[in-house]
Amino acid sequence: MTATTESITLDVHEMGVTEVNRALRALPDGSSATLTQIRGAHNLAVGLTNKIHITVEGSTGYYLGGLCDGPDITVNGSPGPGLGENLMSGTIRVNGNSSSAAGATAHGGLIIVSGDVSSRAAISFKGGTLAVAGDCGHMSAFMAQAGTLLIGGNAGESLGDSLYEAVVYVGGKVRSLGADARTEDLTEADVAKIRDLVEKSGFDHINPENVTKVASAKQLYNFDALKNQRY
């Protein structure tokens, strides 16, 4: 039996965010939806678990695609803060720039930004993947615990501050590293991972063998109570 699928267009301004999200949740797997008249709306396409494709025609407010576990979202515009926050699975592709905290706390899935991203991208990452074609703002990958951040352009100040097991690859220059972050030599596994991500993202300007790898120095893993005792 062939599953029933749908293809619908939803006017965000006319329907309101709550009704749009309700309509998206009701779609069967394999369906598609196009969102129009966005006008900077917040909290669009959040908390979805169905495997559908969503095209967002315009720039959005904060938390687009947050808490999702399954959908593929294409944004023809620039989303506000918190893009894909706590993403579990699925793909978000942005044909534009993205504001601060893109991919914050993501556990899985893939976020692709064709332009630049602002500060604190991939903050507190827990296993997701964020690929940025352009530049990345300051404090990106702050306290990132797992996952991968690929930056095709330059990275801002304090990259990877308090980094744990996440890894950052930078095609351009790193303005400065954060506490407990260090550069490391690329391994064959790193090059293979970058090559796969470049293929998925379509960022052919990145040479997988000519990027800077940033990882944790692992000096903050343990706290020495005696060494840090105050008198």
Protein backbone atom coordinates (compact mmCIF):
# COMPACT_ATOMS: atom_id res chain seq x y z
CA MET A 1 0.00 0.00 0.00
CA THR A 2 1.35 3.43 -0.97
CA ALA A 3 1.35 6.01 1.80
CA THR A 4 -0.74 9.12 1.21
CA THR A 5 1.34 12.28 0.87
CA GLU A 6 0.40 15.91 0.52
CA SER A 7 1.86 19.11 -0.88
CA ILE A 8 0.45 22.26 0.66
CA THR A 9 1.14 25.99 0.91
CA LEU A 10 0.64 27.74 4.24
CA ASP A 11 0.33 31.51 4.62
CA VAL A 12 1.96 32.26 7.97
CA HIS A 13 0.66 35.83 8.23
CA GLU A 14 -2.90 34.77 7.52
CA MET A 15 -2.99 31.57 9.60
CA GLY A 16 -0.72 32.44 12.51
CA VAL A 17 2.21 30.39 13.83
CA THR A 18 0.15 28.05 16.03
CA GLU A 19 -2.11 26.95 13.18
CA VAL A 20 0.81 26.59 10.77
CA ASN A 21 2.67 24.33 13.19
CA ARG A 22 -0.48 22.30 13.81
CA ALA A 23 -0.92 21.80 10.06
CA LEU A 24 2.73 20.73 9.70
CA ARG A 25 2.43 18.17 12.50
CA ALA A 26 -0.63 16.64 10.80
CA LEU A 27 1.18 15.93 7.52
CA PRO A 28 2.07 12.28 6.79
CA ASP A 29 5.67 11.27 6.15
CA GLY A 30 6.86 12.13 2.66
CA SER A 31 4.69 15.24 2.36
CA SER A 32 5.89 18.74 1.59
CA ALA A 33 4.84 22.19 2.66
CA THR A 34 5.77 25.70 1.56
CA LEU A 35 5.49 28.53 4.07
CA THR A 36 4.84 32.00 2.68
CA GLN A 37 4.27 35.50 4.09
CA ILE A 38 6.75 34.80 6.89
CA ARG A 39 7.28 38.40 8.06
CA GLY A 40 9.90 37.40 10.63
CA ALA A 41 7.64 35.02 12.54
CA HIS A 42 9.12 33.19 15.54
CA ASN A 43 8.93 29.49 16.48
CA LEU A 44 8.03 28.16 13.06
CA ALA A 45 8.26 24.41 12.38
CA VAL A 46 9.15 23.50 15.96
CA GLY A 47 8.74 20.16 17.72
CA LEU A 48 8.08 18.17 14.54
CA THR A 49 8.71 14.43 14.42
CA ASN A 50 7.32 13.59 10.98
CA LYS A 51 9.62 13.12 8.00
CA ILE A 52 8.40 15.91 5.75
CA HIS A 53 10.03 18.60 3.64
CA ILE A 54 9.37 22.24 4.46
CA THR A 55 10.35 25.21 2.31
CA VAL A 56 10.38 28.55 4.11
CA GLU A 57 10.09 31.44 1.66
CA GLY A 58 11.53 34.34 3.61
CA SER A 59 13.43 35.34 6.73
CA THR A 60 12.22 34.17 10.11
CA GLY A 61 12.50 35.15 13.76
CA TYR A 62 14.02 33.00 16.49
CA TYR A 63 13.95 29.20 17.00
CA LEU A 64 13.07 28.07 13.48
CA GLY A 65 13.17 24.25 13.37
CA GLY A 66 13.83 23.89 17.08
CA LEU A 67 13.21 20.59 18.91
CA CYS A 68 12.71 18.71 15.64
CA ASP A 69 13.32 15.01 15.04
CA GLY A 70 12.84 14.21 11.37
CA PRO A 71 11.88 16.97 8.94
CA ASP A 72 14.06 18.50 6.23
CA ILE A 73 13.77 22.29 6.11
CA THR A 74 14.99 24.66 3.40
CA VAL A 75 15.08 28.37 4.22
CA ASN A 76 15.20 30.86 1.36
CA GLY A 77 16.08 33.73 3.64
CA SER A 78 17.90 34.37 6.90
CA PRO A 79 16.68 32.93 10.22
CA GLY A 80 17.00 34.67 13.58
CA PRO A 81 18.63 33.39 16.80
CA GLY A 82 18.44 29.75 17.83
CA LEU A 83 18.09 28.11 14.43
CA GLY A 84 17.59 24.36 14.92
CA GLU A 85 18.02 24.54 18.69
CA ASN A 86 18.07 21.06 20.23
CA LEU A 87 17.73 19.44 16.80
CA MET A 88 17.61 15.65 17.05
CA SER A 89 17.58 14.57 13.39
CA GLY A 90 16.79 15.89 9.94
CA THR A 91 18.38 18.63 7.84
CA ILE A 92 18.06 22.41 7.84
CA ARG A 93 19.55 24.20 4.82
CA VAL A 94 19.72 28.00 4.88
CA ASN A 95 20.16 29.90 1.63
CA GLY A 96 21.28 33.04 3.41
CA ASN A 97 22.92 34.11 6.67
CA SER A 98 21.96 33.00 10.17
CA SER A 99 21.87 34.88 13.45
CA SER A 100 23.35 33.89 16.83
CA ALA A 101 23.28 30.49 18.53
CA ALA A 102 22.65 28.49 15.36
CA GLY A 103 22.34 24.81 16.26
CA ALA A 104 22.54 25.40 20.01
CA THR A 105 22.42 22.14 22.02
CA ALA A 106 21.72 20.05 18.89
CA HIS A 107 21.94 16.30 19.53
CA GLY A 108 21.92 15.23 15.88
CA GLY A 109 20.92 16.24 12.39
CA LEU A 110 22.68 18.51 9.91
CA ILE A 111 22.43 22.29 9.60
CA ILE A 112 23.89 23.90 6.46
CA VAL A 113 24.25 27.69 6.13
CA SER A 114 25.30 29.05 2.74
CA GLY A 115 26.32 32.44 4.17
CA ASP A 116 27.72 33.62 7.51
CA VAL A 117 26.57 32.87 11.04
CA SER A 118 26.72 35.17 14.03
CA SER A 119 28.09 34.53 17.53
CA ARG A 120 27.84 31.36 19.64
CA ALA A 121 27.12 28.98 16.79
CA ALA A 122 27.01 25.34 17.91
CA ILE A 123 27.02 26.39 21.56
CA SER A 124 26.71 23.38 23.89
CA PHE A 125 26.56 21.00 20.90
CA LYS A 126 25.70 17.45 21.92
CA GLY A 127 26.21 15.60 18.66
CA GLY A 128 24.87 17.63 15.78
CA THR A 129 26.66 18.90 12.69
CA LEU A 130 26.78 22.54 11.55
CA ALA A 131 28.37 23.46 8.22
CA VAL A 132 28.90 27.15 7.47
CA ALA A 133 30.10 28.34 4.07
CA GLY A 134 31.24 31.74 5.30
CA ASP A 135 32.41 33.29 8.56
CA CYS A 136 31.43 32.37 12.12
CA GLY A 137 31.11 34.83 15.02
CA HIS A 138 32.77 34.86 18.43
CA MET A 139 32.39 32.17 21.10
CA SER A 140 31.31 29.55 18.57
CA ALA A 141 31.35 25.95 19.82
CA PHE A 142 31.39 27.21 23.42
CA MET A 143 31.11 24.19 25.73
CA ALA A 144 30.41 21.94 22.73
CA GLN A 145 30.32 18.39 24.09
CA ALA A 146 30.07 16.36 20.87
CA GLY A 147 29.50 16.86 17.17
CA THR A 148 31.16 18.76 14.32
CA LEU A 149 31.36 22.41 13.29
CA LEU A 150 32.74 23.15 9.82
CA ILE A 151 33.52 26.79 9.01
CA GLY A 152 34.43 27.58 5.42
CA GLY A 153 35.50 31.14 6.17
CA ASN A 154 37.02 32.78 9.23
CA ALA A 155 36.26 32.11 12.90
CA GLY A 156 35.80 34.88 15.47
CA GLU A 157 37.30 35.27 18.92
CA SER A 158 37.37 32.53 21.60
CA LEU A 159 36.58 29.68 19.24
CA GLY A 160 35.92 26.42 21.10
CA ASP A 161 36.03 27.90 24.60
CA SER A 162 35.63 25.07 27.16
CA LEU A 163 35.37 22.53 24.33
CA TYR A 164 34.85 18.87 25.22
CA GLU A 165 34.63 16.13 22.57
CA ALA A 166 33.30 18.22 19.68
CA VAL A 167 35.64 19.08 16.80
CA VAL A 168 35.84 22.29 14.77
CA TYR A 169 37.32 22.60 11.27
CA VAL A 170 38.11 26.07 9.89
CA GLY A 171 38.92 26.80 6.26
CA GLY A 172 39.97 30.41 6.90
CA LYS A 173 41.67 32.14 9.81
CA VAL A 174 40.98 31.74 13.53
CA ARG A 175 41.01 35.07 15.33
CA SER A 176 41.64 33.45 18.72
CA LEU A 177 41.05 30.21 20.60
CA GLY A 178 39.04 29.97 23.78
CA ALA A 179 40.08 28.38 27.06
CA ASP A 180 41.22 24.76 26.71
CA ALA A 181 41.01 24.75 22.92
CA ARG A 182 44.02 23.90 20.76
CA THR A 183 44.87 23.17 17.14
CA GLU A 184 45.76 19.62 16.13
CA ASP A 185 47.06 17.90 13.02
CA LEU A 186 44.48 16.46 10.66
CA THR A 187 44.19 12.69 10.56
CA GLU A 188 42.99 10.61 7.61
CA ALA A 189 39.70 10.18 9.45
CA ASP A 190 39.36 13.97 9.75
CA VAL A 191 39.97 14.46 6.02
CA ALA A 192 37.41 11.78 5.18
CA LYS A 193 34.84 13.38 7.51
CA ILE A 194 35.41 16.83 6.03
CA ARG A 195 35.23 15.51 2.47
CA ASP A 196 31.89 13.83 3.22
CA LEU A 197 30.53 17.00 4.81
CA VAL A 198 31.74 19.16 1.92
CA GLU A 199 29.92 16.85 -0.48
CA LYS A 200 26.70 16.97 1.54
CA SER A 201 26.79 20.72 1.96
CA GLY A 202 27.95 21.58 -1.56
CA PHE A 203 30.78 23.79 -0.26
CA ASP A 204 33.28 23.14 -3.03
CA HIS A 205 35.44 26.10 -1.92
CA ILE A 206 36.71 24.09 1.07
CA ASN A 207 39.80 21.92 0.61
CA PRO A 208 39.43 19.01 3.08
CA GLU A 209 43.19 18.69 3.37
CA ASN A 210 43.80 22.36 4.08
CA VAL A 211 41.73 23.29 7.11
CA THR A 212 42.62 24.03 10.73
CA LYS A 213 41.43 21.46 13.24
CA VAL A 214 40.45 22.74 16.70
CA ALA A 215 39.86 20.29 19.54
CA SER A 216 39.94 20.19 23.32
CA ALA A 217 43.23 20.28 25.20
CA LYS A 218 41.34 18.35 27.93
CA GLN A 219 42.83 20.35 30.78
CA LEU A 220 39.41 21.29 32.15
CA TYR A 221 38.10 17.73 32.39
CA ASN A 222 39.10 17.46 36.04
CA PHE A 223 39.00 20.09 38.74
CA ASP A 224 41.86 20.07 41.25
CA ALA A 225 40.27 21.22 44.52
CA LEU A 226 43.58 21.69 46.31
CA LYS A 227 45.18 23.60 43.43
CA ASN A 228 42.19 25.93 43.18
CA GLN A 229 41.56 26.35 46.89
CA ARG A 230 41.22 29.96 48.03
CA TYR A 231 42.56 31.13 51.38
